[in-house]
């Protein structure tokens, strides 16, 4: 059995050296550390290779290479000229991850700063894009604000084959920042559509206050009207049953739904999307949250410093985008 130690720069030679880690071993540790908790990664290395390494080494090596990937993560800033794909489907959404702040050591070496840590939930925003008809998406993720997310929305559309002549079909759950970024980065090329199933939650909540006989009959009719481009009819149907102004918003689902439709003009063109064979739901990005972000950054007991969370997001999306081999071809080594 070989005991790995992290006392000096990693060795470039093959195999495990007494005082360093070879590039193949670094890749192995990063591979396991990208998908498993660092403790479980240690077990995987032991099981498959018979090598014992400390948890701290797996964490340090994984976060080092994830940081290198983040440093190299340059985003395209404009569509290339040319025909490109006719339609690019783009989705965006946010997911909360646990981020910890640990106070600086006050100088008392006996104190345990972990007891003073503050854990907060912060949003990581994920984007994906693929050509219409393709099942291979490209991903981007960031914790750096809505404009940074918009930059990733543009980048993934370009990675997916978008050009200056492509039509961008953007989907989201109704969060205003998604529509705003669609306008900012795609301009006239982009059309934003609110996820149909998210809309249906508003309609379902309003149904009891609008029914004449059966909630489901009324709801099904509104869905049909929305899918056939008759948004104004649905708005009028809601208007006829608005709650009194004296009723608070939280107890006025018809009013909330009516306002939701009025404030999002042009974002319910389901008929045009269906005619073009484009999706009207954003379930793909919701699923991607589970296997890109949550599978690693929200496992039981996990909490992250913000910088390390940003690095791990880049590592996860780089692997998903098929750039893993390209990175390791460059054979980075951990500095002393």
C-alpha atoms as a PDB file:
ATOM      1  CA  UNK A   1       0.000   0.000   0.000  1.00  0.00           C
ATOM      2  CA  UNK A   2       1.289   3.433  -0.897  1.00  0.00           C
ATOM      3  CA  UNK A   3       0.756   6.389   1.406  1.00  0.00           C
ATOM      4  CA  UNK A   4       0.524   9.696  -0.491  1.00  0.00           C
ATOM      5  CA  UNK A   5       1.743  12.854   1.223  1.00  0.00           C
ATOM      6  CA  UNK A   6       1.312  16.507   0.321  1.00  0.00           C
ATOM      7  CA  UNK A   7       4.575  18.153   1.388  1.00  0.00           C
ATOM      8  CA  UNK A   8       6.035  19.564  -1.822  1.00  0.00           C
ATOM      9  CA  UNK A   9       4.999  20.244  -5.449  1.00  0.00           C
ATOM     10  CA  UNK A  10       3.357  17.374  -7.288  1.00  0.00           C
ATOM     11  CA  UNK A  11       5.648  15.208  -9.355  1.00  0.00           C
ATOM     12  CA  UNK A  12       5.225  15.003 -13.138  1.00  0.00           C
ATOM     13  CA  UNK A  13       6.536  11.439 -13.372  1.00  0.00           C
ATOM     14  CA  UNK A  14       4.189   8.476 -13.599  1.00  0.00           C
ATOM     15  CA  UNK A  15       3.174   6.650 -10.455  1.00  0.00           C
ATOM     16  CA  UNK A  16       3.071   7.815  -6.853  1.00  0.00           C
ATOM     17  CA  UNK A  17       6.186   9.340  -5.337  1.00  0.00           C
ATOM     18  CA  UNK A  18       6.906   9.345  -1.645  1.00  0.00           C
ATOM     19  CA  UNK A  19       6.628  13.099  -1.266  1.00  0.00           C
ATOM     20  CA  UNK A  20       4.399  14.109  -4.168  1.00  0.00           C
ATOM     21  CA  UNK A  21       1.518  13.258  -6.473  1.00  0.00           C
ATOM     22  CA  UNK A  22       1.981  12.498 -10.155  1.00  0.00           C
ATOM     23  CA  UNK A  23      -0.216  14.115 -12.793  1.00  0.00           C
ATOM     24  CA  UNK A  24      -2.167  10.859 -13.357  1.00  0.00           C
ATOM     25  CA  UNK A  25      -2.897  10.673  -9.638  1.00  0.00           C
ATOM     26  CA  UNK A  26      -3.888  14.343  -9.512  1.00  0.00           C
ATOM     27  CA  UNK A  27      -6.337  13.659 -12.318  1.00  0.00           C
ATOM     28  CA  UNK A  28      -7.716  10.635 -10.496  1.00  0.00           C
ATOM     29  CA  UNK A  29      -8.232  12.556  -7.256  1.00  0.00           C
ATOM     30  CA  UNK A  30      -9.845  15.481  -9.048  1.00  0.00           C
ATOM     31  CA  UNK A  31     -12.088  13.121 -10.980  1.00  0.00           C
ATOM     32  CA  UNK A  32     -13.414  11.521  -7.789  1.00  0.00           C
ATOM     33  CA  UNK A  33     -13.463  14.837  -5.898  1.00  0.00           C
ATOM     34  CA  UNK A  34     -15.619  16.397  -8.610  1.00  0.00           C
ATOM     35  CA  UNK A  35     -18.408  13.870  -8.053  1.00  0.00           C
ATOM     36  CA  UNK A  36     -18.078  12.654  -4.469  1.00  0.00           C
ATOM     37  CA  UNK A  37     -17.486  14.199  -1.080  1.00  0.00           C
ATOM     38  CA  UNK A  38     -13.771  14.417  -0.429  1.00  0.00           C
ATOM     39  CA  UNK A  39     -14.059  11.693   2.219  1.00  0.00           C
ATOM     40  CA  UNK A  40     -15.824   9.371  -0.211  1.00  0.00           C
ATOM     41  CA  UNK A  41     -13.228  10.181  -2.864  1.00  0.00           C
ATOM     42  CA  UNK A  42     -10.552   8.838  -0.504  1.00  0.00           C
ATOM     43  CA  UNK A  43     -12.508   5.582  -0.240  1.00  0.00           C
ATOM     44  CA  UNK A  44     -12.852   5.355  -4.030  1.00  0.00           C
ATOM     45  CA  UNK A  45      -9.108   5.775  -4.554  1.00  0.00           C
ATOM     46  CA  UNK A  46      -8.426   3.096  -1.941  1.00  0.00           C
ATOM     47  CA  UNK A  47     -10.972   0.732  -3.491  1.00  0.00           C
ATOM     48  CA  UNK A  48      -9.872   1.083  -7.113  1.00  0.00           C
ATOM     49  CA  UNK A  49      -6.137   1.730  -6.814  1.00  0.00           C
ATOM     50  CA  UNK A  50      -5.100   0.535  -3.364  1.00  0.00           C
ATOM     51  CA  UNK A  51      -3.687   3.971  -2.564  1.00  0.00           C
ATOM     52  CA  UNK A  52      -4.293   5.786   0.711  1.00  0.00           C
ATOM     53  CA  UNK A  53      -4.341   9.579   0.597  1.00  0.00           C
ATOM     54  CA  UNK A  54      -5.536  12.066   3.220  1.00  0.00           C
ATOM     55  CA  UNK A  55      -8.840  13.853   2.773  1.00  0.00           C
ATOM     56  CA  UNK A  56      -7.018  17.201   2.917  1.00  0.00           C
ATOM     57  CA  UNK A  57      -4.954  16.208  -0.121  1.00  0.00           C
ATOM     58  CA  UNK A  58      -8.013  15.296  -2.179  1.00  0.00           C
ATOM     59  CA  UNK A  59      -9.656  18.588  -1.260  1.00  0.00           C
ATOM     60  CA  UNK A  60      -6.554  20.664  -1.979  1.00  0.00           C
ATOM     61  CA  UNK A  61      -5.847  19.003  -5.316  1.00  0.00           C
ATOM     62  CA  UNK A  62      -9.464  19.123  -6.493  1.00  0.00           C
ATOM     63  CA  UNK A  63      -9.922  22.777  -5.542  1.00  0.00           C
ATOM     64  CA  UNK A  64      -6.570  23.693  -7.080  1.00  0.00           C
ATOM     65  CA  UNK A  65      -7.475  22.275 -10.479  1.00  0.00           C
ATOM     66  CA  UNK A  66     -11.014  23.643 -10.232  1.00  0.00           C
ATOM     67  CA  UNK A  67      -9.438  27.057  -9.642  1.00  0.00           C
ATOM     68  CA  UNK A  68      -7.236  26.654 -12.708  1.00  0.00           C
ATOM     69  CA  UNK A  69     -10.329  25.841 -14.739  1.00  0.00           C
ATOM     70  CA  UNK A  70     -12.057  28.948 -13.395  1.00  0.00           C
ATOM     71  CA  UNK A  71      -9.028  31.101 -14.294  1.00  0.00           C
ATOM     72  CA  UNK A  72      -9.176  29.779 -17.860  1.00  0.00           C
ATOM     73  CA  UNK A  73     -12.937  30.188 -18.183  1.00  0.00           C
ATOM     74  CA  UNK A  74     -13.159  32.870 -20.872  1.00  0.00           C
ATOM     75  CA  UNK A  75     -16.573  33.625 -22.372  1.00  0.00           C
ATOM     76  CA  UNK A  76     -17.371  34.476 -25.970  1.00  0.00           C
ATOM     77  CA  UNK A  77     -18.825  37.972 -26.240  1.00  0.00           C
ATOM     78  CA  UNK A  78     -20.548  38.031 -29.642  1.00  0.00           C
ATOM     79  CA  UNK A  79     -22.159  35.653 -32.086  1.00  0.00           C
ATOM     80  CA  UNK A  80     -20.003  34.637 -35.034  1.00  0.00           C
ATOM     81  CA  UNK A  81     -21.216  35.606 -38.486  1.00  0.00           C
ATOM     82  CA  UNK A  82     -22.729  32.968 -40.693  1.00  0.00           C
ATOM     83  CA  UNK A  83     -25.802  30.794 -40.867  1.00  0.00           C
ATOM     84  CA  UNK A  84     -25.331  28.775 -37.694  1.00  0.00           C
ATOM     85  CA  UNK A  85     -28.176  26.775 -36.186  1.00  0.00           C
ATOM     86  CA  UNK A  86     -31.685  27.946 -37.051  1.00  0.00           C
ATOM     87  CA  UNK A  87     -32.916  27.704 -33.453  1.00  0.00           C
ATOM     88  CA  UNK A  88     -30.958  27.636 -30.213  1.00  0.00           C
ATOM     89  CA  UNK A  89     -32.881  26.729 -27.053  1.00  0.00           C
ATOM     90  CA  UNK A  90     -31.604  28.450 -23.909  1.00  0.00           C
ATOM     91  CA  UNK A  91     -32.797  27.942 -20.335  1.00  0.00           C
ATOM     92  CA  UNK A  92     -31.715  29.597 -17.098  1.00  0.00           C
ATOM     93  CA  UNK A  93     -32.596  29.197 -13.446  1.00  0.00           C
ATOM     94  CA  UNK A  94     -31.169  29.661  -9.951  1.00  0.00           C
ATOM     95  CA  UNK A  95     -30.382  27.146  -7.211  1.00  0.00           C
ATOM     96  CA  UNK A  96     -29.447  27.849  -3.593  1.00  0.00           C
ATOM     97  CA  UNK A  97     -26.252  26.357  -2.153  1.00  0.00           C
ATOM     98  CA  UNK A  98     -24.782  26.575   1.373  1.00  0.00           C
ATOM     99  CA  UNK A  99     -21.947  29.110   1.650  1.00  0.00           C
ATOM    100  CA  UNK A 100     -20.000  29.545   4.873  1.00  0.00           C
ATOM    101  CA  UNK A 101     -18.098  32.477   6.309  1.00  0.00           C
ATOM    102  CA  UNK A 102     -15.446  31.751   8.919  1.00  0.00           C
ATOM    103  CA  UNK A 103     -14.000  34.694  10.886  1.00  0.00           C
ATOM    104  CA  UNK A 104     -10.276  35.352  10.773  1.00  0.00           C
ATOM    105  CA  UNK A 105      -8.305  33.746  13.607  1.00  0.00           C
ATOM    106  CA  UNK A 106      -7.912  36.203  16.424  1.00  0.00           C
ATOM    107  CA  UNK A 107      -4.497  34.837  17.296  1.00  0.00           C
ATOM    108  CA  UNK A 108      -5.660  32.322  19.865  1.00  0.00           C
ATOM    109  CA  UNK A 109      -4.463  29.073  18.308  1.00  0.00           C
ATOM    110  CA  UNK A 110      -6.623  27.058  20.696  1.00  0.00           C
ATOM    111  CA  UNK A 111      -9.845  28.562  19.354  1.00  0.00           C
ATOM    112  CA  UNK A 112     -11.907  26.629  16.840  1.00  0.00           C
ATOM    113  CA  UNK A 113     -13.209  29.099  14.264  1.00  0.00           C
ATOM    114  CA  UNK A 114     -15.597  26.490  12.887  1.00  0.00           C
ATOM    115  CA  UNK A 115     -17.759  27.069  15.929  1.00  0.00           C
ATOM    116  CA  UNK A 116     -18.175  30.686  14.824  1.00  0.00           C
ATOM    117  CA  UNK A 117     -18.907  29.917  11.183  1.00  0.00           C
ATOM    118  CA  UNK A 118     -21.945  31.471   9.586  1.00  0.00           C
ATOM    119  CA  UNK A 119     -23.742  29.465   6.925  1.00  0.00           C
ATOM    120  CA  UNK A 120     -25.955  31.247   4.428  1.00  0.00           C
ATOM    121  CA  UNK A 121     -27.765  30.090   1.325  1.00  0.00           C
ATOM    122  CA  UNK A 122     -26.582  31.885  -1.794  1.00  0.00           C
ATOM    123  CA  UNK A 123     -27.823  31.535  -5.353  1.00  0.00           C
ATOM    124  CA  UNK A 124     -25.883  29.799  -8.081  1.00  0.00           C
ATOM    125  CA  UNK A 125     -27.358  30.443 -11.507  1.00  0.00           C
ATOM    126  CA  UNK A 126     -27.185  27.750 -14.149  1.00  0.00           C
ATOM    127  CA  UNK A 127     -27.657  28.177 -17.898  1.00  0.00           C
ATOM    128  CA  UNK A 128     -27.862  25.649 -20.692  1.00  0.00           C
ATOM    129  CA  UNK A 129     -28.200  25.774 -24.470  1.00  0.00           C
ATOM    130  CA  UNK A 130     -28.541  23.332 -27.336  1.00  0.00           C
ATOM    131  CA  UNK A 131     -29.731  23.321 -30.893  1.00  0.00           C
ATOM    132  CA  UNK A 132     -33.354  22.476 -31.522  1.00  0.00           C
ATOM    133  CA  UNK A 133     -33.554  18.708 -31.898  1.00  0.00           C
ATOM    134  CA  UNK A 134     -30.251  18.091 -30.080  1.00  0.00           C
ATOM    135  CA  UNK A 135     -30.047  16.276 -26.752  1.00  0.00           C
ATOM    136  CA  UNK A 136     -26.526  17.521 -25.967  1.00  0.00           C
ATOM    137  CA  UNK A 137     -26.606  20.777 -23.999  1.00  0.00           C
ATOM    138  CA  UNK A 138     -23.756  23.098 -23.052  1.00  0.00           C
ATOM    139  CA  UNK A 139     -23.674  24.583 -19.563  1.00  0.00           C
ATOM    140  CA  UNK A 140     -22.541  27.680 -17.716  1.00  0.00           C
ATOM    141  CA  UNK A 141     -22.780  28.528 -14.022  1.00  0.00           C
ATOM    142  CA  UNK A 142     -21.957  31.540 -11.884  1.00  0.00           C
ATOM    143  CA  UNK A 143     -22.555  33.126  -8.494  1.00  0.00           C
ATOM    144  CA  UNK A 144     -21.597  36.607  -9.679  1.00  0.00           C
ATOM    145  CA  UNK A 145     -24.899  38.324 -10.401  1.00  0.00           C
ATOM    146  CA  UNK A 146     -27.448  38.623 -13.182  1.00  0.00           C
ATOM    147  CA  UNK A 147     -25.211  40.291 -15.774  1.00  0.00           C
ATOM    148  CA  UNK A 148     -22.630  37.549 -15.288  1.00  0.00           C
ATOM    149  CA  UNK A 149     -25.419  35.020 -15.821  1.00  0.00           C
ATOM    150  CA  UNK A 150     -26.410  36.828 -19.007  1.00  0.00           C
ATOM    151  CA  UNK A 151     -22.820  36.588 -20.213  1.00  0.00           C
ATOM    152  CA  UNK A 152     -22.981  32.833 -19.677  1.00  0.00           C
ATOM    153  CA  UNK A 153     -26.319  32.705 -21.500  1.00  0.00           C
ATOM    154  CA  UNK A 154     -24.619  34.234 -24.530  1.00  0.00           C
ATOM    155  CA  UNK A 155     -21.586  31.966 -24.230  1.00  0.00           C
ATOM    156  CA  UNK A 156     -23.566  28.705 -24.056  1.00  0.00           C
ATOM    157  CA  UNK A 157     -25.685  29.765 -27.046  1.00  0.00           C
ATOM    158  CA  UNK A 158     -22.478  30.253 -29.038  1.00  0.00           C
ATOM    159  CA  UNK A 159     -21.046  26.928 -27.825  1.00  0.00           C
ATOM    160  CA  UNK A 160     -24.248  25.255 -28.999  1.00  0.00           C
ATOM    161  CA  UNK A 161     -23.752  26.563 -32.532  1.00  0.00           C
ATOM    162  CA  UNK A 162     -25.555  29.887 -32.421  1.00  0.00           C
ATOM    163  CA  UNK A 163     -24.602  32.609 -34.862  1.00  0.00           C
ATOM    164  CA  UNK A 164     -25.668  36.116 -35.795  1.00  0.00           C
ATOM    165  CA  UNK A 165     -28.526  34.603 -37.818  1.00  0.00           C
ATOM    166  CA  UNK A 166     -29.821  32.136 -35.222  1.00  0.00           C
ATOM    167  CA  UNK A 167     -33.138  32.497 -33.435  1.00  0.00           C
ATOM    168  CA  UNK A 168     -32.750  32.188 -29.668  1.00  0.00           C
ATOM    169  CA  UNK A 169     -35.654  30.533 -27.887  1.00  0.00           C
ATOM    170  CA  UNK A 170     -35.186  31.354 -24.190  1.00  0.00           C
ATOM    171  CA  UNK A 171     -37.190  29.754 -21.382  1.00  0.00           C
ATOM    172  CA  UNK A 172     -37.466  30.530 -17.677  1.00  0.00           C
ATOM    173  CA  UNK A 173     -39.730  30.418 -14.673  1.00  0.00           C
ATOM    174  CA  UNK A 174     -40.909  34.022 -14.753  1.00  0.00           C
ATOM    175  CA  UNK A 175     -38.043  35.574 -12.777  1.00  0.00           C
ATOM    176  CA  UNK A 176     -37.670  39.067 -14.307  1.00  0.00           C
ATOM    177  CA  UNK A 177     -33.874  38.867 -14.475  1.00  0.00           C
ATOM    178  CA  UNK A 178     -34.023  36.036 -17.038  1.00  0.00           C
ATOM    179  CA  UNK A 179     -36.174  38.054 -19.430  1.00  0.00           C
ATOM    180  CA  UNK A 180     -33.992  41.132 -18.860  1.00  0.00           C
ATOM    181  CA  UNK A 181     -30.811  39.215 -19.677  1.00  0.00           C
ATOM    182  CA  UNK A 182     -32.439  37.651 -22.730  1.00  0.00           C
ATOM    183  CA  UNK A 183     -33.100  41.154 -24.038  1.00  0.00           C
ATOM    184  CA  UNK A 184     -29.623  42.380 -23.113  1.00  0.00           C
ATOM    185  CA  UNK A 185     -27.495  39.644 -24.663  1.00  0.00           C
ATOM    186  CA  UNK A 186     -29.664  38.441 -27.570  1.00  0.00           C
ATOM    187  CA  UNK A 187     -31.445  41.621 -28.648  1.00  0.00           C
ATOM    188  CA  UNK A 188     -33.790  41.078 -31.565  1.00  0.00           C
ATOM    189  CA  UNK A 189     -32.527  37.508 -31.994  1.00  0.00           C
ATOM    190  CA  UNK A 190     -34.087  36.357 -28.754  1.00  0.00           C
ATOM    191  CA  UNK A 191     -37.626  35.584 -27.668  1.00  0.00           C
ATOM    192  CA  UNK A 192     -38.394  34.842 -24.047  1.00  0.00           C
ATOM    193  CA  UNK A 193     -41.120  32.381 -23.065  1.00  0.00           C
ATOM    194  CA  UNK A 194     -42.338  31.750 -19.537  1.00  0.00           C
ATOM    195  CA  UNK A 195     -42.371  28.111 -18.563  1.00  0.00           C
ATOM    196  CA  UNK A 196     -45.910  26.885 -19.225  1.00  0.00           C
ATOM    197  CA  UNK A 197     -46.078  24.713 -16.122  1.00  0.00           C
ATOM    198  CA  UNK A 198     -45.020  27.636 -13.927  1.00  0.00           C
ATOM    199  CA  UNK A 199     -47.868  29.672 -15.432  1.00  0.00           C
ATOM    200  CA  UNK A 200     -50.265  26.816 -14.733  1.00  0.00           C
ATOM    201  CA  UNK A 201     -49.503  27.087 -11.017  1.00  0.00           C
ATOM    202  CA  UNK A 202     -50.946  30.621 -11.085  1.00  0.00           C
ATOM    203  CA  UNK A 203     -53.960  29.505 -13.092  1.00  0.00           C
ATOM    204  CA  UNK A 204     -54.601  26.548 -10.792  1.00  0.00           C
ATOM    205  CA  UNK A 205     -54.497  28.795  -7.736  1.00  0.00           C
ATOM    206  CA  UNK A 206     -56.987  31.170  -9.391  1.00  0.00           C
ATOM    207  CA  UNK A 207     -59.361  28.425 -10.559  1.00  0.00           C
ATOM    208  CA  UNK A 208     -61.464  28.090  -7.363  1.00  0.00           C
ATOM    209  CA  UNK A 209     -62.295  31.793  -7.509  1.00  0.00           C
ATOM    210  CA  UNK A 210     -63.276  31.665 -11.197  1.00  0.00           C
ATOM    211  CA  UNK A 211     -65.107  28.367 -11.524  1.00  0.00           C
ATOM    212  CA  UNK A 212     -68.678  28.132 -12.622  1.00  0.00           C
ATOM    213  CA  UNK A 213     -69.075  24.403 -12.150  1.00  0.00           C
ATOM    214  CA  UNK A 214     -65.792  22.502 -11.979  1.00  0.00           C
ATOM    215  CA  UNK A 215     -62.282  23.763 -11.240  1.00  0.00           C
ATOM    216  CA  UNK A 216     -60.656  21.340 -13.673  1.00  0.00           C
ATOM    217  CA  UNK A 217     -62.956  22.294 -16.556  1.00  0.00           C
ATOM    218  CA  UNK A 218     -62.195  25.994 -16.099  1.00  0.00           C
ATOM    219  CA  UNK A 219     -58.454  25.341 -15.743  1.00  0.00           C
ATOM    220  CA  UNK A 220     -58.274  23.113 -18.813  1.00  0.00           C
ATOM    221  CA  UNK A 221     -60.052  25.771 -20.855  1.00  0.00           C
ATOM    222  CA  UNK A 222     -57.590  28.480 -19.786  1.00  0.00           C
ATOM    223  CA  UNK A 223     -54.664  26.222 -20.687  1.00  0.00           C
ATOM    224  CA  UNK A 224     -56.170  25.651 -24.117  1.00  0.00           C
ATOM    225  CA  UNK A 225     -56.662  29.379 -24.617  1.00  0.00           C
ATOM    226  CA  UNK A 226     -53.086  30.141 -23.591  1.00  0.00           C
ATOM    227  CA  UNK A 227     -51.674  27.498 -25.938  1.00  0.00           C
ATOM    228  CA  UNK A 228     -53.677  28.903 -28.851  1.00  0.00           C
ATOM    229  CA  UNK A 229     -52.536  32.498 -28.353  1.00  0.00           C
ATOM    230  CA  UNK A 230     -55.723  33.819 -26.732  1.00  0.00           C
ATOM    231  CA  UNK A 231     -54.030  35.521 -23.804  1.00  0.00           C
ATOM    232  CA  UNK A 232     -56.414  38.496 -23.804  1.00  0.00           C
ATOM    233  CA  UNK A 233     -59.368  36.145 -23.342  1.00  0.00           C
ATOM    234  CA  UNK A 234     -57.759  34.578 -20.286  1.00  0.00           C
ATOM    235  CA  UNK A 235     -56.984  38.016 -18.867  1.00  0.00           C
ATOM    236  CA  UNK A 236     -60.644  38.993 -19.261  1.00  0.00           C
ATOM    237  CA  UNK A 237     -61.805  35.721 -17.698  1.00  0.00           C
ATOM    238  CA  UNK A 238     -59.673  36.527 -14.663  1.00  0.00           C
ATOM    239  CA  UNK A 239     -60.749  40.169 -14.575  1.00  0.00           C
ATOM    240  CA  UNK A 240     -64.393  39.113 -14.264  1.00  0.00           C
ATOM    241  CA  UNK A 241     -63.580  37.431 -10.932  1.00  0.00           C
ATOM    242  CA  UNK A 242     -61.045  39.742  -9.292  1.00  0.00           C
ATOM    243  CA  UNK A 243     -61.185  39.850  -5.519  1.00  0.00           C
ATOM    244  CA  UNK A 244     -62.168  43.033  -3.748  1.00  0.00           C
ATOM    245  CA  UNK A 245     -59.378  45.524  -3.118  1.00  0.00           C
ATOM    246  CA  UNK A 246     -59.874  45.116   0.624  1.00  0.00           C
ATOM    247  CA  UNK A 247     -58.579  41.523   0.367  1.00  0.00           C
ATOM    248  CA  UNK A 248     -54.817  41.204   0.812  1.00  0.00           C
ATOM    249  CA  UNK A 249     -52.679  39.900  -2.036  1.00  0.00           C
ATOM    250  CA  UNK A 250     -51.814  36.653  -0.293  1.00  0.00           C
ATOM    251  CA  UNK A 251     -55.525  35.820  -0.158  1.00  0.00           C
ATOM    252  CA  UNK A 252     -56.271  36.986  -3.714  1.00  0.00           C
ATOM    253  CA  UNK A 253     -54.982  34.325  -6.180  1.00  0.00           C
ATOM    254  CA  UNK A 254     -57.148  35.613  -9.048  1.00  0.00           C
ATOM    255  CA  UNK A 255     -55.682  39.097  -8.706  1.00  0.00           C
ATOM    256  CA  UNK A 256     -52.137  37.704  -8.531  1.00  0.00           C
ATOM    257  CA  UNK A 257     -52.650  35.652 -11.681  1.00  0.00           C
ATOM    258  CA  UNK A 258     -54.287  38.565 -13.511  1.00  0.00           C
ATOM    259  CA  UNK A 259     -51.375  40.846 -12.634  1.00  0.00           C
ATOM    260  CA  UNK A 260     -48.851  38.152 -13.583  1.00  0.00           C
ATOM    261  CA  UNK A 261     -50.269  38.014 -17.124  1.00  0.00           C
ATOM    262  CA  UNK A 262     -50.573  41.789 -17.496  1.00  0.00           C
ATOM    263  CA  UNK A 263     -46.967  42.413 -16.419  1.00  0.00           C
ATOM    264  CA  UNK A 264     -45.432  39.924 -18.864  1.00  0.00           C
ATOM    265  CA  UNK A 265     -46.714  40.995 -22.242  1.00  0.00           C
ATOM    266  CA  UNK A 266     -45.236  38.978 -25.105  1.00  0.00           C
ATOM    267  CA  UNK A 267     -43.888  36.213 -22.863  1.00  0.00           C
ATOM    268  CA  UNK A 268     -46.741  33.737 -23.416  1.00  0.00           C
ATOM    269  CA  UNK A 269     -46.478  33.012 -27.155  1.00  0.00           C
ATOM    270  CA  UNK A 270     -46.949  29.281 -26.745  1.00  0.00           C
ATOM    271  CA  UNK A 271     -48.787  28.943 -30.033  1.00  0.00           C
ATOM    272  CA  UNK A 272     -45.778  30.196 -31.995  1.00  0.00           C
ATOM    273  CA  UNK A 273     -43.393  27.950 -30.082  1.00  0.00           C
ATOM    274  CA  UNK A 274     -45.570  24.872 -30.602  1.00  0.00           C
ATOM    275  CA  UNK A 275     -45.966  25.634 -34.311  1.00  0.00           C
ATOM    276  CA  UNK A 276     -42.147  25.786 -34.607  1.00  0.00           C
ATOM    277  CA  UNK A 277     -41.682  22.539 -32.685  1.00  0.00           C
ATOM    278  CA  UNK A 278     -40.025  24.326 -29.746  1.00  0.00           C
ATOM    279  CA  UNK A 279     -40.479  23.464 -26.058  1.00  0.00           C
ATOM    280  CA  UNK A 280     -42.784  25.489 -23.813  1.00  0.00           C
ATOM    281  CA  UNK A 281     -41.470  24.106 -20.509  1.00  0.00           C
ATOM    282  CA  UNK A 282     -38.150  24.628 -18.742  1.00  0.00           C
ATOM    283  CA  UNK A 283     -37.959  21.233 -17.071  1.00  0.00           C
ATOM    284  CA  UNK A 284     -34.573  20.587 -18.662  1.00  0.00           C
ATOM    285  CA  UNK A 285     -32.829  23.261 -16.570  1.00  0.00           C
ATOM    286  CA  UNK A 286     -34.587  22.062 -13.414  1.00  0.00           C
ATOM    287  CA  UNK A 287     -33.272  18.567 -14.058  1.00  0.00           C
ATOM    288  CA  UNK A 288     -29.803  19.950 -14.819  1.00  0.00           C
ATOM    289  CA  UNK A 289     -29.711  21.628 -11.412  1.00  0.00           C
ATOM    290  CA  UNK A 290     -29.891  18.200  -9.831  1.00  0.00           C
ATOM    291  CA  UNK A 291     -27.064  16.573 -11.784  1.00  0.00           C
ATOM    292  CA  UNK A 292     -24.800  19.611 -12.329  1.00  0.00           C
ATOM    293  CA  UNK A 293     -25.064  21.591  -9.082  1.00  0.00           C
ATOM    294  CA  UNK A 294     -27.001  19.765  -6.389  1.00  0.00           C
ATOM    295  CA  UNK A 295     -25.393  16.348  -6.874  1.00  0.00           C
ATOM    296  CA  UNK A 296     -22.081  17.737  -5.612  1.00  0.00           C
ATOM    297  CA  UNK A 297     -22.584  21.112  -3.955  1.00  0.00           C
ATOM    298  CA  UNK A 298     -25.678  20.180  -1.935  1.00  0.00           C
ATOM    299  CA  UNK A 299     -24.773  16.728  -0.684  1.00  0.00           C
ATOM    300  CA  UNK A 300     -25.465  16.047   2.993  1.00  0.00           C
ATOM    301  CA  UNK A 301     -23.076  17.912   5.253  1.00  0.00           C
ATOM    302  CA  UNK A 302     -21.512  19.966   2.477  1.00  0.00           C
ATOM    303  CA  UNK A 303     -20.823  23.655   2.927  1.00  0.00           C
ATOM    304  CA  UNK A 304     -18.478  25.836   0.907  1.00  0.00           C
ATOM    305  CA  UNK A 305     -16.485  28.990   1.047  1.00  0.00           C
ATOM    306  CA  UNK A 306     -17.738  31.194  -1.760  1.00  0.00           C
ATOM    307  CA  UNK A 307     -14.503  31.069  -3.770  1.00  0.00           C
ATOM    308  CA  UNK A 308     -14.388  27.289  -3.581  1.00  0.00           C
ATOM    309  CA  UNK A 309     -18.047  27.019  -4.595  1.00  0.00           C
ATOM    310  CA  UNK A 310     -17.295  29.131  -7.681  1.00  0.00           C
ATOM    311  CA  UNK A 311     -14.397  26.841  -8.552  1.00  0.00           C
ATOM    312  CA  UNK A 312     -16.463  23.688  -8.138  1.00  0.00           C
ATOM    313  CA  UNK A 313     -19.240  25.094 -10.318  1.00  0.00           C
ATOM    314  CA  UNK A 314     -16.704  25.629 -13.097  1.00  0.00           C
ATOM    315  CA  UNK A 315     -15.299  22.131 -12.622  1.00  0.00           C
ATOM    316  CA  UNK A 316     -18.766  20.602 -12.846  1.00  0.00           C
ATOM    317  CA  UNK A 317     -19.753  22.518 -15.989  1.00  0.00           C
ATOM    318  CA  UNK A 318     -16.383  21.957 -17.693  1.00  0.00           C
ATOM    319  CA  UNK A 319     -16.809  18.208 -17.294  1.00  0.00           C
ATOM    320  CA  UNK A 320     -20.400  18.379 -18.549  1.00  0.00           C
ATOM    321  CA  UNK A 321     -19.271  20.388 -21.585  1.00  0.00           C
ATOM    322  CA  UNK A 322     -16.749  17.729 -22.627  1.00  0.00           C
ATOM    323  CA  UNK A 323     -13.653  19.856 -21.938  1.00  0.00           C
ATOM    324  CA  UNK A 324     -12.177  17.550 -19.279  1.00  0.00           C
ATOM    325  CA  UNK A 325      -9.646  15.878 -21.588  1.00  0.00           C
ATOM    326  CA  UNK A 326      -8.567  19.204 -23.061  1.00  0.00           C
ATOM    327  CA  UNK A 327      -7.744  20.528 -19.601  1.00  0.00           C
ATOM    328  CA  UNK A 328      -5.672  17.507 -18.599  1.00  0.00           C
ATOM    329  CA  UNK A 329      -3.764  17.559 -21.852  1.00  0.00           C
ATOM    330  CA  UNK A 330      -2.149  20.700 -20.461  1.00  0.00           C
ATOM    331  CA  UNK A 331      -0.986  18.793 -17.314  1.00  0.00           C
ATOM    332  CA  UNK A 332      -1.176  21.453 -14.635  1.00  0.00           C
ATOM    333  CA  UNK A 333       0.676  20.833 -11.385  1.00  0.00           C
ATOM    334  CA  UNK A 334      -0.050  22.116  -7.909  1.00  0.00           C
ATOM    335  CA  UNK A 335       2.332  24.879  -6.884  1.00  0.00           C
ATOM    336  CA  UNK A 336       4.224  24.597  -3.624  1.00  0.00           C
END
